[in-house]
Amino acid sequence: MKAHIKITLKTGVLDPQGKAIEGAIKGLGIGGIGEVRQGKYIEVDLGDTSTSAAKDVVERMCRDLLANTVIENYSYEIG
């Protein structure tokens, strides 16, 4: 079983890396691009465990280690 975790900055938090990506896209001559925000994607192999136990483990990992919940949101899928 794998967890697919997505971590993004909360709305209103400055994203200098997203701004740099936005500038690079425009530098390539690609138009019609609005604001760019970047984040993290993490895959975790959970081994053989129940779905409810997997959710508990992933929730704890995200809350206590992977995401800074002051400035970041996280979401995940177990599958």
N, C-alpha and C. Protein backbone atom coordinates (compact mmCIF):
# COMPACT_ATOMS: atom_id res chain seq x y z
N MET A 1 0.86 -1.17 0.00
CA MET A 1 0.00 0.00 0.00
C MET A 1 0.90 1.23 0.00
N LYS A 2 0.51 2.23 -0.80
CA LYS A 2 1.29 3.46 -0.89
C LYS A 2 0.46 4.65 -0.49
N ALA A 3 1.14 5.64 0.07
CA ALA A 3 0.52 6.94 0.35
C ALA A 3 1.10 7.94 -0.63
N HIS A 4 0.22 8.73 -1.22
CA HIS A 4 0.61 9.79 -2.14
C HIS A 4 0.27 11.10 -1.42
N ILE A 5 1.31 11.85 -1.04
CA ILE A 5 1.15 13.03 -0.19
C ILE A 5 1.49 14.28 -0.99
N LYS A 6 0.63 15.29 -0.90
CA LYS A 6 0.85 16.58 -1.57
C LYS A 6 0.89 17.66 -0.51
N ILE A 7 1.96 18.46 -0.53
CA ILE A 7 2.14 19.54 0.44
C ILE A 7 2.27 20.85 -0.32
N THR A 8 1.44 21.83 0.02
CA THR A 8 1.47 23.13 -0.64
C THR A 8 1.47 24.25 0.39
N LEU A 9 1.96 25.40 -0.04
CA LEU A 9 1.93 26.57 0.84
C LEU A 9 0.49 27.06 0.97
N LYS A 10 0.15 27.55 2.15
CA LYS A 10 -1.17 28.11 2.37
C LYS A 10 -1.33 29.38 1.56
N THR A 11 -2.57 29.70 1.23
CA THR A 11 -2.88 30.94 0.53
C THR A 11 -2.39 32.12 1.36
N GLY A 12 -1.75 33.07 0.72
CA GLY A 12 -1.25 34.25 1.43
C GLY A 12 0.20 34.14 1.86
N VAL A 13 0.77 32.94 1.84
CA VAL A 13 2.18 32.75 2.18
C VAL A 13 3.00 33.02 0.92
N LEU A 14 4.01 33.88 1.03
CA LEU A 14 4.85 34.20 -0.11
C LEU A 14 5.55 32.95 -0.63
N ASP A 15 5.65 32.86 -1.95
CA ASP A 15 6.24 31.69 -2.60
C ASP A 15 7.32 32.15 -3.59
N PRO A 16 8.53 32.45 -3.10
CA PRO A 16 9.58 32.94 -4.01
C PRO A 16 9.98 31.93 -5.08
N GLN A 17 9.95 30.65 -4.76
CA GLN A 17 10.29 29.65 -5.76
C GLN A 17 9.22 29.60 -6.86
N GLY A 18 7.97 29.73 -6.47
CA GLY A 18 6.89 29.80 -7.45
C GLY A 18 7.04 31.01 -8.36
N LYS A 19 7.43 32.15 -7.78
CA LYS A 19 7.66 33.37 -8.57
C LYS A 19 8.80 33.17 -9.56
N ALA A 20 9.87 32.48 -9.12
CA ALA A 20 11.00 32.21 -10.01
C ALA A 20 10.58 31.31 -11.17
N ILE A 21 9.77 30.31 -10.88
CA ILE A 21 9.26 29.42 -11.92
C ILE A 21 8.39 30.21 -12.89
N GLU A 22 7.54 31.06 -12.35
CA GLU A 22 6.66 31.90 -13.17
C GLU A 22 7.48 32.77 -14.11
N GLY A 23 8.54 33.38 -13.59
CA GLY A 23 9.41 34.22 -14.41
C GLY A 23 10.11 33.42 -15.49
N ALA A 24 10.54 32.21 -15.17
CA ALA A 24 11.22 31.36 -16.15
C ALA A 24 10.26 30.94 -17.26
N ILE A 25 9.02 30.65 -16.91
CA ILE A 25 8.03 30.27 -17.92
C ILE A 25 7.81 31.44 -18.88
N LYS A 26 7.64 32.62 -18.31
CA LYS A 26 7.45 33.81 -19.15
C LYS A 26 8.69 34.08 -19.99
N GLY A 27 9.88 33.80 -19.42
CA GLY A 27 11.13 33.96 -20.15
C GLY A 27 11.23 33.03 -21.35
N LEU A 28 10.52 31.93 -21.32
CA LEU A 28 10.48 31.00 -22.45
C LEU A 28 9.53 31.49 -23.55
N GLY A 29 8.85 32.59 -23.26
CA GLY A 29 7.92 33.13 -24.25
C GLY A 29 6.54 32.51 -24.18
N ILE A 30 6.25 31.81 -23.11
CA ILE A 30 4.94 31.19 -22.94
C ILE A 30 4.03 32.19 -22.25
N GLY A 31 2.96 32.56 -22.93
CA GLY A 31 2.03 33.55 -22.38
C GLY A 31 0.81 32.91 -21.77
N GLY A 32 -0.02 33.75 -21.19
CA GLY A 32 -1.28 33.28 -20.63
C GLY A 32 -1.14 32.56 -19.30
N ILE A 33 0.03 32.70 -18.67
CA ILE A 33 0.27 32.03 -17.39
C ILE A 33 -0.03 33.00 -16.25
N GLY A 34 -0.81 32.54 -15.30
CA GLY A 34 -1.10 33.33 -14.10
C GLY A 34 -0.09 33.02 -13.01
N GLU A 35 -0.51 33.14 -11.80
CA GLU A 35 0.36 32.89 -10.65
C GLU A 35 0.79 31.42 -10.61
N VAL A 36 2.05 31.19 -10.27
CA VAL A 36 2.58 29.83 -10.12
C VAL A 36 2.92 29.61 -8.65
N ARG A 37 2.45 28.49 -8.10
CA ARG A 37 2.78 28.11 -6.72
C ARG A 37 3.39 26.72 -6.79
N GLN A 38 4.42 26.49 -6.03
CA GLN A 38 5.08 25.18 -6.04
C GLN A 38 4.82 24.47 -4.72
N GLY A 39 5.06 23.18 -4.73
CA GLY A 39 4.86 22.38 -3.53
C GLY A 39 5.72 21.14 -3.57
N LYS A 40 5.35 20.16 -2.74
CA LYS A 40 6.11 18.91 -2.65
C LYS A 40 5.15 17.74 -2.87
N TYR A 41 5.69 16.70 -3.49
CA TYR A 41 4.95 15.45 -3.66
C TYR A 41 5.82 14.34 -3.06
N ILE A 42 5.25 13.54 -2.19
CA ILE A 42 5.99 12.48 -1.51
C ILE A 42 5.20 11.18 -1.62
N GLU A 43 5.90 10.11 -1.98
CA GLU A 43 5.30 8.77 -2.01
C GLU A 43 5.93 7.94 -0.91
N VAL A 44 5.10 7.29 -0.12
CA VAL A 44 5.59 6.46 0.97
C VAL A 44 5.00 5.06 0.83
N ASP A 45 5.85 4.04 0.82
CA ASP A 45 5.40 2.66 0.80
C ASP A 45 5.10 2.26 2.23
N LEU A 46 3.87 1.91 2.51
CA LEU A 46 3.43 1.60 3.87
C LEU A 46 3.44 0.11 4.18
N GLY A 47 3.80 -0.72 3.22
CA GLY A 47 3.80 -2.16 3.46
C GLY A 47 2.39 -2.69 3.59
N ASP A 48 2.27 -3.83 4.22
CA ASP A 48 0.95 -4.45 4.42
C ASP A 48 0.35 -3.94 5.71
N THR A 49 -0.66 -3.11 5.58
CA THR A 49 -1.35 -2.56 6.74
C THR A 49 -2.79 -2.27 6.36
N SER A 50 -3.64 -2.10 7.34
CA SER A 50 -5.04 -1.79 7.05
C SER A 50 -5.14 -0.33 6.61
N THR A 51 -6.21 -0.01 5.91
CA THR A 51 -6.41 1.36 5.44
C THR A 51 -6.50 2.33 6.60
N SER A 52 -7.20 1.96 7.65
CA SER A 52 -7.35 2.88 8.79
C SER A 52 -6.01 3.09 9.51
N ALA A 53 -5.21 2.04 9.65
CA ALA A 53 -3.89 2.18 10.27
C ALA A 53 -2.98 3.03 9.38
N ALA A 54 -3.08 2.84 8.07
CA ALA A 54 -2.28 3.62 7.12
C ALA A 54 -2.63 5.10 7.23
N LYS A 55 -3.92 5.42 7.30
CA LYS A 55 -4.34 6.81 7.44
C LYS A 55 -3.79 7.43 8.72
N ASP A 56 -3.82 6.69 9.81
CA ASP A 56 -3.29 7.20 11.08
C ASP A 56 -1.80 7.49 10.97
N VAL A 57 -1.05 6.58 10.34
CA VAL A 57 0.40 6.75 10.20
C VAL A 57 0.72 7.95 9.31
N VAL A 58 0.02 8.05 8.18
CA VAL A 58 0.28 9.15 7.24
C VAL A 58 -0.09 10.49 7.87
N GLU A 59 -1.21 10.52 8.55
CA GLU A 59 -1.62 11.75 9.23
C GLU A 59 -0.54 12.20 10.23
N ARG A 60 -0.03 11.27 11.01
CA ARG A 60 1.02 11.60 11.99
C ARG A 60 2.29 12.07 11.29
N MET A 61 2.71 11.38 10.21
CA MET A 61 3.91 11.79 9.48
C MET A 61 3.77 13.20 8.94
N CYS A 62 2.61 13.50 8.35
CA CYS A 62 2.39 14.82 7.78
C CYS A 62 2.39 15.90 8.86
N ARG A 63 1.64 15.66 9.90
CA ARG A 63 1.48 16.64 10.97
C ARG A 63 2.77 16.87 11.74
N ASP A 64 3.53 15.80 12.03
CA ASP A 64 4.69 15.92 12.91
C ASP A 64 6.02 16.07 12.19
N LEU A 65 6.08 15.77 10.87
CA LEU A 65 7.38 15.78 10.20
C LEU A 65 7.36 16.44 8.83
N LEU A 66 6.48 16.00 7.97
CA LEU A 66 6.59 16.38 6.56
C LEU A 66 6.11 17.79 6.25
N ALA A 67 5.09 18.27 6.93
CA ALA A 67 4.53 19.59 6.64
C ALA A 67 4.70 20.52 7.83
N ASN A 68 5.01 21.76 7.52
CA ASN A 68 5.00 22.82 8.53
C ASN A 68 3.59 23.38 8.53
N THR A 69 2.76 22.92 9.45
CA THR A 69 1.33 23.23 9.40
C THR A 69 1.02 24.70 9.67
N VAL A 70 2.01 25.48 10.07
CA VAL A 70 1.80 26.92 10.23
C VAL A 70 1.66 27.57 8.85
N ILE A 71 2.46 27.13 7.88
CA ILE A 71 2.46 27.77 6.56
C ILE A 71 2.08 26.82 5.42
N GLU A 72 1.89 25.52 5.70
CA GLU A 72 1.61 24.56 4.64
C GLU A 72 0.34 23.77 4.90
N ASN A 73 -0.32 23.41 3.81
CA ASN A 73 -1.44 22.48 3.84
C ASN A 73 -0.96 21.14 3.30
N TYR A 74 -1.62 20.08 3.67
CA TYR A 74 -1.28 18.78 3.10
C TYR A 74 -2.55 17.99 2.82
N SER A 75 -2.43 17.12 1.84
CA SER A 75 -3.51 16.18 1.53
C SER A 75 -2.85 14.89 1.08
N TYR A 76 -3.57 13.80 1.17
CA TYR A 76 -2.99 12.51 0.79
C TYR A 76 -4.06 11.56 0.33
N GLU A 77 -3.61 10.57 -0.44
CA GLU A 77 -4.45 9.47 -0.87
C GLU A 77 -3.72 8.18 -0.52
N ILE A 78 -4.46 7.22 -0.04
CA ILE A 78 -3.91 5.90 0.28
C ILE A 78 -4.40 4.96 -0.81
N GLY A 79 -3.48 4.22 -1.40
CA GLY A 79 -3.91 3.31 -2.44
C GLY A 79 -2.80 2.44 -2.96
